[in-house]
N, C-alpha and C. Protein backbone atom coordinates (compact mmCIF):
# COMPACT_ATOMS: atom_id res chain seq x y z
N MET A 1 0.84 -1.17 0.00
CA MET A 1 -0.01 0.01 0.00
C MET A 1 0.89 1.25 -0.01
N TYR A 2 0.44 2.23 -0.74
CA TYR A 2 1.24 3.47 -0.88
C TYR A 2 0.70 4.62 -0.07
N ILE A 3 1.58 5.45 0.41
CA ILE A 3 1.25 6.76 0.96
C ILE A 3 2.09 7.78 0.24
N THR A 4 1.45 8.80 -0.28
CA THR A 4 2.17 9.89 -0.94
C THR A 4 2.38 11.01 0.07
N CYS A 5 3.64 11.38 0.27
CA CYS A 5 4.01 12.43 1.19
C CYS A 5 4.42 13.69 0.43
N LEU A 6 3.74 14.78 0.71
CA LEU A 6 3.97 16.01 -0.02
C LEU A 6 4.41 17.14 0.96
N ASP A 7 5.34 17.95 0.48
CA ASP A 7 5.61 19.20 1.15
C ASP A 7 4.40 20.09 0.88
N VAL A 8 4.26 21.16 1.67
CA VAL A 8 3.10 22.05 1.53
C VAL A 8 3.47 23.34 0.81
N GLU A 9 4.37 24.10 1.42
CA GLU A 9 4.69 25.41 0.89
C GLU A 9 5.56 25.25 -0.37
N GLY A 10 5.13 25.97 -1.40
CA GLY A 10 5.82 25.87 -2.68
C GLY A 10 5.22 24.79 -3.58
N VAL A 11 4.54 23.81 -2.95
CA VAL A 11 3.93 22.72 -3.73
C VAL A 11 2.42 22.94 -3.81
N LEU A 12 1.80 23.25 -2.68
CA LEU A 12 0.35 23.45 -2.66
C LEU A 12 -0.10 24.87 -2.33
N VAL A 13 0.71 25.54 -1.53
CA VAL A 13 0.40 26.93 -1.15
C VAL A 13 1.64 27.77 -1.35
N PRO A 14 1.47 29.10 -1.52
CA PRO A 14 2.65 29.94 -1.61
C PRO A 14 3.49 29.89 -0.34
N GLU A 15 4.74 30.24 -0.46
CA GLU A 15 5.63 30.28 0.74
C GLU A 15 5.11 31.37 1.69
N ILE A 16 4.72 30.96 2.88
CA ILE A 16 4.15 31.89 3.86
C ILE A 16 5.14 32.99 4.21
N TRP A 17 6.40 32.64 4.41
CA TRP A 17 7.36 33.69 4.80
C TRP A 17 7.63 34.66 3.68
N VAL A 18 7.54 34.24 2.44
CA VAL A 18 7.72 35.15 1.32
C VAL A 18 6.53 36.12 1.27
N ALA A 19 5.32 35.60 1.44
CA ALA A 19 4.14 36.45 1.47
C ALA A 19 4.22 37.46 2.62
N PHE A 20 4.69 36.99 3.79
CA PHE A 20 4.78 37.90 4.93
C PHE A 20 5.89 38.93 4.72
N ALA A 21 6.95 38.54 4.10
CA ALA A 21 8.03 39.49 3.79
C ALA A 21 7.51 40.63 2.93
N GLU A 22 6.69 40.28 1.93
CA GLU A 22 6.11 41.31 1.06
C GLU A 22 5.11 42.18 1.81
N ALA A 23 4.27 41.56 2.66
CA ALA A 23 3.24 42.32 3.37
C ALA A 23 3.86 43.23 4.41
N SER A 24 4.94 42.79 5.06
CA SER A 24 5.55 43.55 6.14
C SER A 24 6.61 44.53 5.65
N GLY A 25 7.05 44.39 4.39
CA GLY A 25 8.10 45.27 3.90
C GLY A 25 9.48 44.92 4.43
N ILE A 26 9.68 43.64 4.80
CA ILE A 26 10.96 43.19 5.32
C ILE A 26 11.50 42.12 4.34
N PRO A 27 12.19 42.55 3.27
CA PRO A 27 12.56 41.63 2.20
C PRO A 27 13.46 40.47 2.65
N GLU A 28 14.25 40.68 3.72
CA GLU A 28 15.11 39.58 4.13
C GLU A 28 14.34 38.37 4.63
N LEU A 29 13.06 38.55 5.02
CA LEU A 29 12.26 37.42 5.45
C LEU A 29 11.86 36.48 4.32
N LYS A 30 12.24 36.86 3.09
CA LYS A 30 11.95 35.96 1.96
C LYS A 30 12.84 34.70 1.97
N ARG A 31 13.83 34.69 2.83
CA ARG A 31 14.75 33.53 2.91
C ARG A 31 13.97 32.30 3.38
N THR A 32 14.09 31.20 2.64
CA THR A 32 13.35 29.99 2.99
C THR A 32 14.30 28.78 2.94
N THR A 33 13.73 27.60 3.10
CA THR A 33 14.53 26.37 3.02
C THR A 33 14.99 26.07 1.62
N ARG A 34 14.59 26.87 0.64
CA ARG A 34 15.19 26.76 -0.68
C ARG A 34 16.56 27.38 -0.69
N ASP A 35 16.80 28.31 0.28
CA ASP A 35 18.06 29.05 0.37
C ASP A 35 18.93 28.54 1.53
N GLU A 36 18.33 28.13 2.61
CA GLU A 36 19.07 27.75 3.83
C GLU A 36 18.75 26.29 4.21
N PRO A 37 19.72 25.40 4.08
CA PRO A 37 19.43 23.98 4.40
C PRO A 37 19.22 23.71 5.90
N ASP A 38 19.74 24.55 6.77
CA ASP A 38 19.65 24.34 8.21
C ASP A 38 18.37 25.00 8.74
N TYR A 39 17.33 24.21 8.98
CA TYR A 39 16.05 24.77 9.33
C TYR A 39 16.08 25.45 10.70
N ASN A 40 16.75 24.87 11.66
CA ASN A 40 16.83 25.49 12.97
C ASN A 40 17.49 26.87 12.92
N LYS A 41 18.59 26.94 12.17
CA LYS A 41 19.27 28.19 11.98
C LYS A 41 18.35 29.24 11.34
N LEU A 42 17.62 28.79 10.31
CA LEU A 42 16.70 29.67 9.59
C LEU A 42 15.61 30.21 10.54
N MET A 43 15.01 29.30 11.32
CA MET A 43 13.94 29.73 12.22
C MET A 43 14.41 30.65 13.35
N ARG A 44 15.56 30.38 13.91
CA ARG A 44 16.11 31.28 14.93
C ARG A 44 16.31 32.68 14.35
N TRP A 45 16.83 32.72 13.14
CA TRP A 45 17.04 34.01 12.47
C TRP A 45 15.69 34.73 12.23
N ARG A 46 14.70 33.95 11.79
CA ARG A 46 13.37 34.53 11.54
C ARG A 46 12.80 35.13 12.83
N LEU A 47 12.89 34.38 13.93
CA LEU A 47 12.32 34.85 15.19
C LEU A 47 13.02 36.10 15.66
N ASP A 48 14.36 36.15 15.52
CA ASP A 48 15.12 37.35 15.88
C ASP A 48 14.69 38.55 15.04
N THR A 49 14.45 38.31 13.77
CA THR A 49 14.05 39.38 12.84
C THR A 49 12.67 39.90 13.22
N LEU A 50 11.73 38.99 13.53
CA LEU A 50 10.40 39.40 13.95
C LEU A 50 10.49 40.26 15.24
N LYS A 51 11.28 39.79 16.18
CA LYS A 51 11.39 40.51 17.48
C LYS A 51 11.97 41.92 17.26
N ALA A 52 12.99 41.98 16.39
CA ALA A 52 13.63 43.28 16.11
C ALA A 52 12.62 44.29 15.50
N HIS A 53 11.62 43.79 14.81
CA HIS A 53 10.65 44.66 14.16
C HIS A 53 9.33 44.76 14.94
N GLY A 54 9.29 44.10 16.12
CA GLY A 54 8.08 44.19 16.94
C GLY A 54 6.88 43.49 16.32
N LEU A 55 7.13 42.41 15.60
CA LEU A 55 6.04 41.68 14.91
C LEU A 55 5.82 40.33 15.58
N GLY A 56 4.59 39.82 15.52
CA GLY A 56 4.27 38.57 16.13
C GLY A 56 3.23 37.77 15.36
N ILE A 57 2.58 36.88 16.10
CA ILE A 57 1.66 35.94 15.46
C ILE A 57 0.47 36.64 14.79
N LYS A 58 -0.03 37.74 15.41
CA LYS A 58 -1.19 38.43 14.86
C LYS A 58 -0.91 38.92 13.41
N GLU A 59 0.23 39.55 13.24
CA GLU A 59 0.56 40.09 11.93
C GLU A 59 0.75 39.00 10.89
N ILE A 60 1.36 37.88 11.29
CA ILE A 60 1.57 36.80 10.35
C ILE A 60 0.23 36.13 9.99
N GLN A 61 -0.62 35.94 10.98
CA GLN A 61 -1.93 35.33 10.70
C GLN A 61 -2.80 36.21 9.83
N GLU A 62 -2.64 37.53 9.95
CA GLU A 62 -3.40 38.45 9.08
C GLU A 62 -2.99 38.23 7.62
N THR A 63 -1.68 38.06 7.41
CA THR A 63 -1.17 37.77 6.05
C THR A 63 -1.70 36.45 5.55
N ILE A 64 -1.61 35.42 6.41
CA ILE A 64 -2.03 34.06 6.00
C ILE A 64 -3.50 34.03 5.60
N SER A 65 -4.33 34.82 6.31
CA SER A 65 -5.77 34.81 6.02
C SER A 65 -6.07 35.27 4.60
N LYS A 66 -5.12 35.96 3.98
CA LYS A 66 -5.32 36.46 2.60
C LYS A 66 -4.70 35.54 1.54
N ILE A 67 -4.04 34.47 1.98
CA ILE A 67 -3.33 33.58 1.04
C ILE A 67 -4.29 32.47 0.59
N ASP A 68 -4.29 32.18 -0.69
CA ASP A 68 -5.04 31.07 -1.26
C ASP A 68 -4.07 30.01 -1.73
N PRO A 69 -4.54 28.75 -1.83
CA PRO A 69 -3.69 27.73 -2.42
C PRO A 69 -3.23 28.14 -3.83
N LEU A 70 -2.11 27.56 -4.25
CA LEU A 70 -1.65 27.83 -5.61
C LEU A 70 -2.69 27.38 -6.65
N PRO A 71 -2.75 28.09 -7.80
CA PRO A 71 -3.75 27.69 -8.80
C PRO A 71 -3.59 26.24 -9.18
N GLY A 72 -4.71 25.53 -9.10
CA GLY A 72 -4.71 24.08 -9.48
C GLY A 72 -4.37 23.15 -8.29
N ALA A 73 -3.94 23.68 -7.18
CA ALA A 73 -3.49 22.84 -6.07
C ALA A 73 -4.60 21.97 -5.49
N LYS A 74 -5.78 22.59 -5.29
CA LYS A 74 -6.87 21.81 -4.69
C LYS A 74 -7.34 20.69 -5.63
N ASP A 75 -7.45 20.98 -6.90
CA ASP A 75 -7.84 19.93 -7.87
C ASP A 75 -6.79 18.84 -7.91
N PHE A 76 -5.52 19.21 -7.90
CA PHE A 76 -4.43 18.21 -7.88
C PHE A 76 -4.56 17.34 -6.64
N LEU A 77 -4.74 17.94 -5.50
CA LEU A 77 -4.81 17.20 -4.26
C LEU A 77 -6.03 16.30 -4.20
N ASP A 78 -7.17 16.81 -4.70
CA ASP A 78 -8.39 16.02 -4.72
C ASP A 78 -8.20 14.80 -5.61
N GLU A 79 -7.59 15.00 -6.79
CA GLU A 79 -7.39 13.83 -7.66
C GLU A 79 -6.41 12.86 -7.05
N LEU A 80 -5.34 13.35 -6.46
CA LEU A 80 -4.34 12.47 -5.85
C LEU A 80 -4.98 11.65 -4.73
N ARG A 81 -5.82 12.27 -3.92
CA ARG A 81 -6.47 11.58 -2.79
C ARG A 81 -7.53 10.58 -3.27
N SER A 82 -7.92 10.66 -4.56
CA SER A 82 -8.87 9.68 -5.08
C SER A 82 -8.25 8.33 -5.35
N PHE A 83 -6.91 8.26 -5.44
CA PHE A 83 -6.30 6.98 -5.73
C PHE A 83 -5.16 6.59 -4.78
N THR A 84 -4.79 7.46 -3.83
CA THR A 84 -3.77 7.11 -2.87
C THR A 84 -3.96 7.90 -1.60
N GLN A 85 -3.51 7.34 -0.50
CA GLN A 85 -3.53 8.10 0.75
C GLN A 85 -2.44 9.19 0.65
N VAL A 86 -2.73 10.34 1.23
CA VAL A 86 -1.81 11.47 1.18
C VAL A 86 -1.58 12.03 2.58
N ILE A 87 -0.34 12.27 2.91
CA ILE A 87 0.00 12.99 4.13
C ILE A 87 0.85 14.19 3.71
N LEU A 88 0.47 15.35 4.20
CA LEU A 88 1.24 16.54 3.97
C LEU A 88 2.28 16.64 5.13
N LEU A 89 3.55 16.66 4.75
CA LEU A 89 4.62 16.77 5.74
C LEU A 89 5.24 18.16 5.58
N SER A 90 5.15 18.93 6.64
CA SER A 90 5.58 20.32 6.50
C SER A 90 6.38 20.73 7.72
N ASP A 91 7.36 21.62 7.51
CA ASP A 91 8.06 22.26 8.60
C ASP A 91 7.41 23.53 9.05
N THR A 92 6.19 23.79 8.54
CA THR A 92 5.46 24.94 9.01
C THR A 92 4.84 24.63 10.36
N PHE A 93 3.93 25.46 10.84
CA PHE A 93 3.39 25.35 12.17
C PHE A 93 1.86 25.34 12.13
N THR A 94 1.28 24.60 13.09
CA THR A 94 -0.17 24.50 13.17
C THR A 94 -0.81 25.91 13.15
N GLU A 95 -0.19 26.84 13.86
CA GLU A 95 -0.74 28.19 13.97
C GLU A 95 -0.75 28.93 12.63
N PHE A 96 0.07 28.51 11.73
CA PHE A 96 0.11 29.08 10.38
C PHE A 96 -0.80 28.29 9.41
N ALA A 97 -0.79 27.01 9.53
CA ALA A 97 -1.30 26.13 8.47
C ALA A 97 -2.83 25.93 8.46
N MET A 98 -3.46 26.00 9.60
CA MET A 98 -4.87 25.61 9.68
C MET A 98 -5.81 26.33 8.70
N PRO A 99 -5.72 27.68 8.56
CA PRO A 99 -6.59 28.31 7.58
C PRO A 99 -6.37 27.82 6.16
N LEU A 100 -5.14 27.48 5.82
CA LEU A 100 -4.83 27.00 4.48
C LEU A 100 -5.33 25.58 4.29
N MET A 101 -5.26 24.77 5.32
CA MET A 101 -5.76 23.39 5.23
C MET A 101 -7.29 23.37 4.98
N GLU A 102 -7.98 24.35 5.56
CA GLU A 102 -9.42 24.44 5.32
C GLU A 102 -9.66 24.68 3.85
N LYS A 103 -8.87 25.56 3.22
CA LYS A 103 -9.05 25.86 1.78
C LYS A 103 -8.68 24.68 0.92
N LEU A 104 -7.92 23.70 1.44
CA LEU A 104 -7.51 22.52 0.67
C LEU A 104 -8.40 21.31 0.99
N GLY A 105 -9.45 21.49 1.77
CA GLY A 105 -10.34 20.36 2.08
C GLY A 105 -9.88 19.52 3.25
N HIS A 106 -9.13 20.09 4.17
CA HIS A 106 -8.67 19.43 5.38
C HIS A 106 -7.91 18.13 5.15
N PRO A 107 -6.83 18.16 4.36
CA PRO A 107 -5.99 16.99 4.22
C PRO A 107 -5.24 16.71 5.52
N THR A 108 -4.70 15.49 5.63
CA THR A 108 -3.92 15.14 6.81
C THR A 108 -2.60 15.90 6.75
N LEU A 109 -2.29 16.60 7.83
CA LEU A 109 -1.08 17.42 7.90
C LEU A 109 -0.29 17.06 9.16
N PHE A 110 0.99 16.78 8.99
CA PHE A 110 1.89 16.66 10.09
C PHE A 110 2.83 17.86 10.06
N CYS A 111 2.81 18.68 11.13
CA CYS A 111 3.69 19.86 11.16
C CYS A 111 4.14 20.13 12.57
N ASN A 112 4.58 21.33 12.88
CA ASN A 112 5.17 21.67 14.15
C ASN A 112 4.32 22.70 14.90
N SER A 113 4.84 23.19 16.01
CA SER A 113 4.06 24.17 16.77
C SER A 113 4.97 25.31 17.24
N LEU A 114 4.31 26.43 17.55
CA LEU A 114 4.99 27.60 18.00
C LEU A 114 4.72 27.84 19.51
N GLU A 115 5.66 28.48 20.15
CA GLU A 115 5.44 28.96 21.51
C GLU A 115 5.22 30.47 21.42
N ILE A 116 4.07 30.89 21.94
CA ILE A 116 3.64 32.28 21.77
C ILE A 116 3.35 32.91 23.13
N ALA A 117 3.96 34.06 23.40
CA ALA A 117 3.74 34.78 24.65
C ALA A 117 2.38 35.43 24.63
N GLU A 118 1.94 35.89 25.79
CA GLU A 118 0.60 36.53 25.92
C GLU A 118 0.51 37.78 25.03
N ASN A 119 1.60 38.43 24.80
CA ASN A 119 1.55 39.66 23.97
C ASN A 119 1.61 39.35 22.46
N GLY A 120 1.62 38.03 22.12
CA GLY A 120 1.62 37.64 20.70
C GLY A 120 3.01 37.44 20.14
N GLU A 121 4.07 37.70 20.93
CA GLU A 121 5.42 37.46 20.40
C GLU A 121 5.65 35.95 20.27
N ILE A 122 6.21 35.57 19.15
CA ILE A 122 6.60 34.16 18.96
C ILE A 122 7.96 33.99 19.61
N THR A 123 7.98 33.26 20.70
CA THR A 123 9.21 33.16 21.51
C THR A 123 10.06 31.96 21.15
N ASP A 124 9.41 30.91 20.59
CA ASP A 124 10.16 29.71 20.26
C ASP A 124 9.34 28.82 19.33
N PHE A 125 9.96 27.76 18.87
CA PHE A 125 9.22 26.80 18.03
C PHE A 125 9.58 25.41 18.52
N LYS A 126 8.67 24.49 18.32
CA LYS A 126 8.86 23.12 18.74
C LYS A 126 8.66 22.18 17.55
N MET A 127 9.75 21.50 17.17
CA MET A 127 9.65 20.56 16.09
C MET A 127 8.98 19.28 16.57
N ARG A 128 8.12 18.72 15.75
CA ARG A 128 7.37 17.49 16.13
C ARG A 128 8.34 16.39 16.44
N VAL A 129 9.31 16.15 15.57
CA VAL A 129 10.40 15.20 15.79
C VAL A 129 11.61 15.73 15.06
N GLU A 130 12.77 15.24 15.38
CA GLU A 130 14.00 15.61 14.69
C GLU A 130 13.91 15.17 13.24
N ASN A 131 14.34 16.05 12.31
CA ASN A 131 14.33 15.70 10.88
C ASN A 131 12.97 15.10 10.49
N SER A 132 11.91 15.87 10.72
CA SER A 132 10.55 15.33 10.75
C SER A 132 10.10 14.67 9.45
N LYS A 133 10.48 15.17 8.32
CA LYS A 133 9.97 14.59 7.08
C LYS A 133 10.58 13.20 6.85
N LEU A 134 11.91 13.11 6.95
CA LEU A 134 12.59 11.80 6.77
C LEU A 134 12.17 10.85 7.86
N THR A 135 12.07 11.29 9.10
CA THR A 135 11.66 10.43 10.21
C THR A 135 10.25 9.85 9.98
N THR A 136 9.37 10.69 9.49
CA THR A 136 7.99 10.24 9.24
C THR A 136 7.95 9.22 8.11
N VAL A 137 8.68 9.47 7.03
CA VAL A 137 8.72 8.50 5.92
C VAL A 137 9.26 7.17 6.39
N LYS A 138 10.34 7.18 7.16
CA LYS A 138 10.89 5.93 7.66
C LYS A 138 9.92 5.20 8.59
N ALA A 139 9.21 5.97 9.40
CA ALA A 139 8.21 5.35 10.29
C ALA A 139 7.09 4.69 9.48
N LEU A 140 6.62 5.36 8.46
CA LEU A 140 5.60 4.77 7.58
C LEU A 140 6.08 3.49 6.93
N GLN A 141 7.33 3.52 6.47
CA GLN A 141 7.90 2.35 5.82
C GLN A 141 8.03 1.20 6.82
N SER A 142 8.34 1.53 8.10
CA SER A 142 8.52 0.49 9.10
C SER A 142 7.23 -0.26 9.45
N ILE A 143 6.06 0.35 9.11
CA ILE A 143 4.81 -0.33 9.37
C ILE A 143 4.17 -0.82 8.07
N GLY A 144 4.97 -0.94 7.03
CA GLY A 144 4.53 -1.62 5.82
C GLY A 144 4.06 -0.80 4.64
N PHE A 145 4.20 0.53 4.72
CA PHE A 145 3.81 1.35 3.61
C PHE A 145 4.99 1.63 2.65
N GLU A 146 4.69 1.69 1.36
CA GLU A 146 5.63 2.24 0.40
C GLU A 146 5.35 3.72 0.30
N THR A 147 6.41 4.54 0.28
CA THR A 147 6.18 5.97 0.20
C THR A 147 6.64 6.54 -1.15
N ILE A 148 5.89 7.50 -1.59
CA ILE A 148 6.25 8.36 -2.73
C ILE A 148 6.27 9.79 -2.16
N ALA A 149 7.32 10.56 -2.49
CA ALA A 149 7.44 11.86 -1.88
C ALA A 149 7.78 12.94 -2.89
N SER A 150 7.31 14.15 -2.62
CA SER A 150 7.63 15.27 -3.49
C SER A 150 7.72 16.56 -2.67
N GLY A 151 8.68 17.40 -3.06
CA GLY A 151 8.86 18.69 -2.42
C GLY A 151 9.73 19.57 -3.26
N ASP A 152 10.05 20.77 -2.75
CA ASP A 152 10.75 21.73 -3.55
C ASP A 152 12.06 22.21 -2.92
N SER A 153 12.33 21.83 -1.66
CA SER A 153 13.41 22.48 -0.91
C SER A 153 14.41 21.49 -0.36
N TYR A 154 15.49 22.08 0.21
CA TYR A 154 16.52 21.24 0.81
C TYR A 154 15.95 20.33 1.90
N ASN A 155 15.01 20.81 2.68
CA ASN A 155 14.49 20.00 3.77
C ASN A 155 13.55 18.88 3.31
N ASP A 156 13.30 18.81 2.00
CA ASP A 156 12.49 17.70 1.43
C ASP A 156 13.37 16.58 0.88
N LEU A 157 14.66 16.83 0.71
CA LEU A 157 15.52 15.85 0.02
C LEU A 157 15.60 14.52 0.75
N GLY A 158 15.61 14.53 2.07
CA GLY A 158 15.70 13.27 2.84
C GLY A 158 14.54 12.37 2.54
N MET A 159 13.32 12.92 2.59
CA MET A 159 12.13 12.07 2.36
C MET A 159 12.05 11.64 0.91
N ILE A 160 12.46 12.52 0.00
CA ILE A 160 12.46 12.18 -1.41
C ILE A 160 13.40 11.03 -1.72
N GLN A 161 14.63 11.13 -1.20
CA GLN A 161 15.63 10.12 -1.48
C GLN A 161 15.36 8.80 -0.76
N ALA A 162 14.64 8.84 0.35
CA ALA A 162 14.36 7.60 1.10
C ALA A 162 13.12 6.87 0.59
N SER A 163 12.35 7.48 -0.30
CA SER A 163 11.10 6.90 -0.76
C SER A 163 11.32 6.01 -1.97
N LYS A 164 10.31 5.15 -2.23
CA LYS A 164 10.38 4.28 -3.40
C LYS A 164 10.51 5.12 -4.66
N ALA A 165 9.78 6.21 -4.69
CA ALA A 165 9.89 7.18 -5.78
C ALA A 165 9.82 8.59 -5.17
N GLY A 166 10.64 9.51 -5.70
CA GLY A 166 10.64 10.85 -5.17
C GLY A 166 10.85 11.87 -6.28
N PHE A 167 10.23 13.03 -6.14
CA PHE A 167 10.24 14.01 -7.20
C PHE A 167 10.41 15.40 -6.62
N LEU A 168 11.17 16.22 -7.33
CA LEU A 168 11.20 17.65 -7.05
C LEU A 168 10.03 18.32 -7.80
N PHE A 169 9.47 19.32 -7.18
CA PHE A 169 8.34 20.05 -7.81
C PHE A 169 8.55 21.54 -7.68
N ARG A 170 8.68 22.20 -8.83
CA ARG A 170 8.88 23.65 -8.85
C ARG A 170 10.00 24.07 -7.95
N SER A 171 11.10 23.35 -8.02
CA SER A 171 12.27 23.60 -7.18
C SER A 171 13.15 24.68 -7.83
N THR A 172 14.29 24.95 -7.15
CA THR A 172 15.20 25.96 -7.67
C THR A 172 16.16 25.31 -8.70
N ASP A 173 16.73 26.14 -9.55
CA ASP A 173 17.71 25.64 -10.50
C ASP A 173 18.91 25.02 -9.79
N LYS A 174 19.29 25.61 -8.66
CA LYS A 174 20.45 25.11 -7.93
C LYS A 174 20.17 23.71 -7.37
N ILE A 175 19.02 23.52 -6.74
CA ILE A 175 18.69 22.21 -6.17
C ILE A 175 18.60 21.17 -7.29
N LYS A 176 17.97 21.56 -8.41
CA LYS A 176 17.85 20.61 -9.54
C LYS A 176 19.22 20.27 -10.09
N ALA A 177 20.12 21.24 -10.17
CA ALA A 177 21.48 20.98 -10.66
C ALA A 177 22.28 20.13 -9.70
N ASP A 178 22.10 20.35 -8.40
CA ASP A 178 22.82 19.59 -7.37
C ASP A 178 22.31 18.15 -7.25
N TYR A 179 21.06 17.92 -7.63
CA TYR A 179 20.46 16.57 -7.50
C TYR A 179 19.82 16.17 -8.83
N PRO A 180 20.64 16.02 -9.87
CA PRO A 180 20.12 15.70 -11.19
C PRO A 180 19.45 14.34 -11.28
N GLN A 181 19.75 13.47 -10.30
CA GLN A 181 19.17 12.13 -10.30
C GLN A 181 17.69 12.12 -9.86
N ILE A 182 17.22 13.23 -9.29
CA ILE A 182 15.83 13.32 -8.86
C ILE A 182 15.00 13.94 -9.96
N PRO A 183 14.02 13.22 -10.50
CA PRO A 183 13.14 13.81 -11.53
C PRO A 183 12.49 15.11 -11.01
N ALA A 184 12.41 16.11 -11.88
CA ALA A 184 11.88 17.41 -11.47
C ALA A 184 10.74 17.78 -12.42
N TYR A 185 9.65 18.27 -11.84
CA TYR A 185 8.48 18.64 -12.61
C TYR A 185 8.02 20.04 -12.27
N GLU A 186 7.28 20.65 -13.21
CA GLU A 186 6.81 22.00 -13.03
C GLU A 186 5.29 22.12 -13.02
N THR A 187 4.58 21.07 -13.44
CA THR A 187 3.11 21.18 -13.48
C THR A 187 2.49 20.03 -12.66
N TYR A 188 1.30 20.30 -12.16
CA TYR A 188 0.59 19.26 -11.40
C TYR A 188 0.29 18.05 -12.28
N GLU A 189 -0.01 18.30 -13.53
CA GLU A 189 -0.30 17.16 -14.43
C GLU A 189 0.89 16.25 -14.55
N GLU A 190 2.11 16.83 -14.69
CA GLU A 190 3.32 16.01 -14.77
C GLU A 190 3.53 15.23 -13.47
N LEU A 191 3.35 15.89 -12.34
CA LEU A 191 3.57 15.25 -11.04
C LEU A 191 2.57 14.14 -10.82
N LEU A 192 1.29 14.37 -11.17
CA LEU A 192 0.31 13.29 -11.06
C LEU A 192 0.67 12.10 -11.87
N GLY A 193 1.14 12.35 -13.11
CA GLY A 193 1.50 11.24 -13.99
C GLY A 193 2.68 10.46 -13.41
N ALA A 194 3.66 11.18 -12.85
CA ALA A 194 4.82 10.51 -12.27
C ALA A 194 4.42 9.66 -11.05
N ILE A 195 3.52 10.16 -10.24
CA ILE A 195 3.08 9.40 -9.05
C ILE A 195 2.31 8.17 -9.51
N LYS A 196 1.43 8.34 -10.49
CA LYS A 196 0.68 7.17 -10.99
C LYS A 196 1.62 6.11 -11.54
N ASN A 197 2.62 6.57 -12.32
CA ASN A 197 3.59 5.58 -12.89
C ASN A 197 4.37 4.87 -11.79
N ALA A 198 4.70 5.59 -10.74
CA ALA A 198 5.47 4.99 -9.64
C ALA A 198 4.68 3.91 -8.90
N MET A 199 3.36 4.02 -8.98
CA MET A 199 2.50 3.08 -8.26
C MET A 199 2.17 1.83 -9.07
N LYS A 200 2.62 1.76 -10.31
CA LYS A 200 2.30 0.61 -11.18
C LYS A 200 3.13 -0.59 -10.74
């Protein structure tokens, strides 16, 4: 039996931090896991940047409330869920993701959580497990599932490489050049076809 594991940001919804960087006028917050492989380092830097600008959960959630899934994402996900189980594996946070999951039809999402002070300052973050995407794929495999995985960033490479089949989707030229052995696709139609072929 197969489970398809998908990254969320960049694959189904726009990058939340990029959208917030544009809304807040802080261009350096556009830095994502496409640019920085060390997620902990990236998040510590993000939290320091938010604190320096006096921004917190309220401002980020206001931006998220205006974000819609990428064009075609819901149809892609609906079709994918019609023939395979799907788990969205994300390094985002419950406090960010829930409004977007509603717009995608409430798919299964494994993500992380934030620690938020009474004044709305995001003081810390808590990862669900270490190296959560790869750890989750290995756990699924240990109970008898074959996994197929797709994502766009450095933090997706572990789950992609550990799966029976794995694909880059709308990734960067650098990641595609560094990992030429991983098939890379740009459209949902191509990705659906690749997933269906992998399940044959």
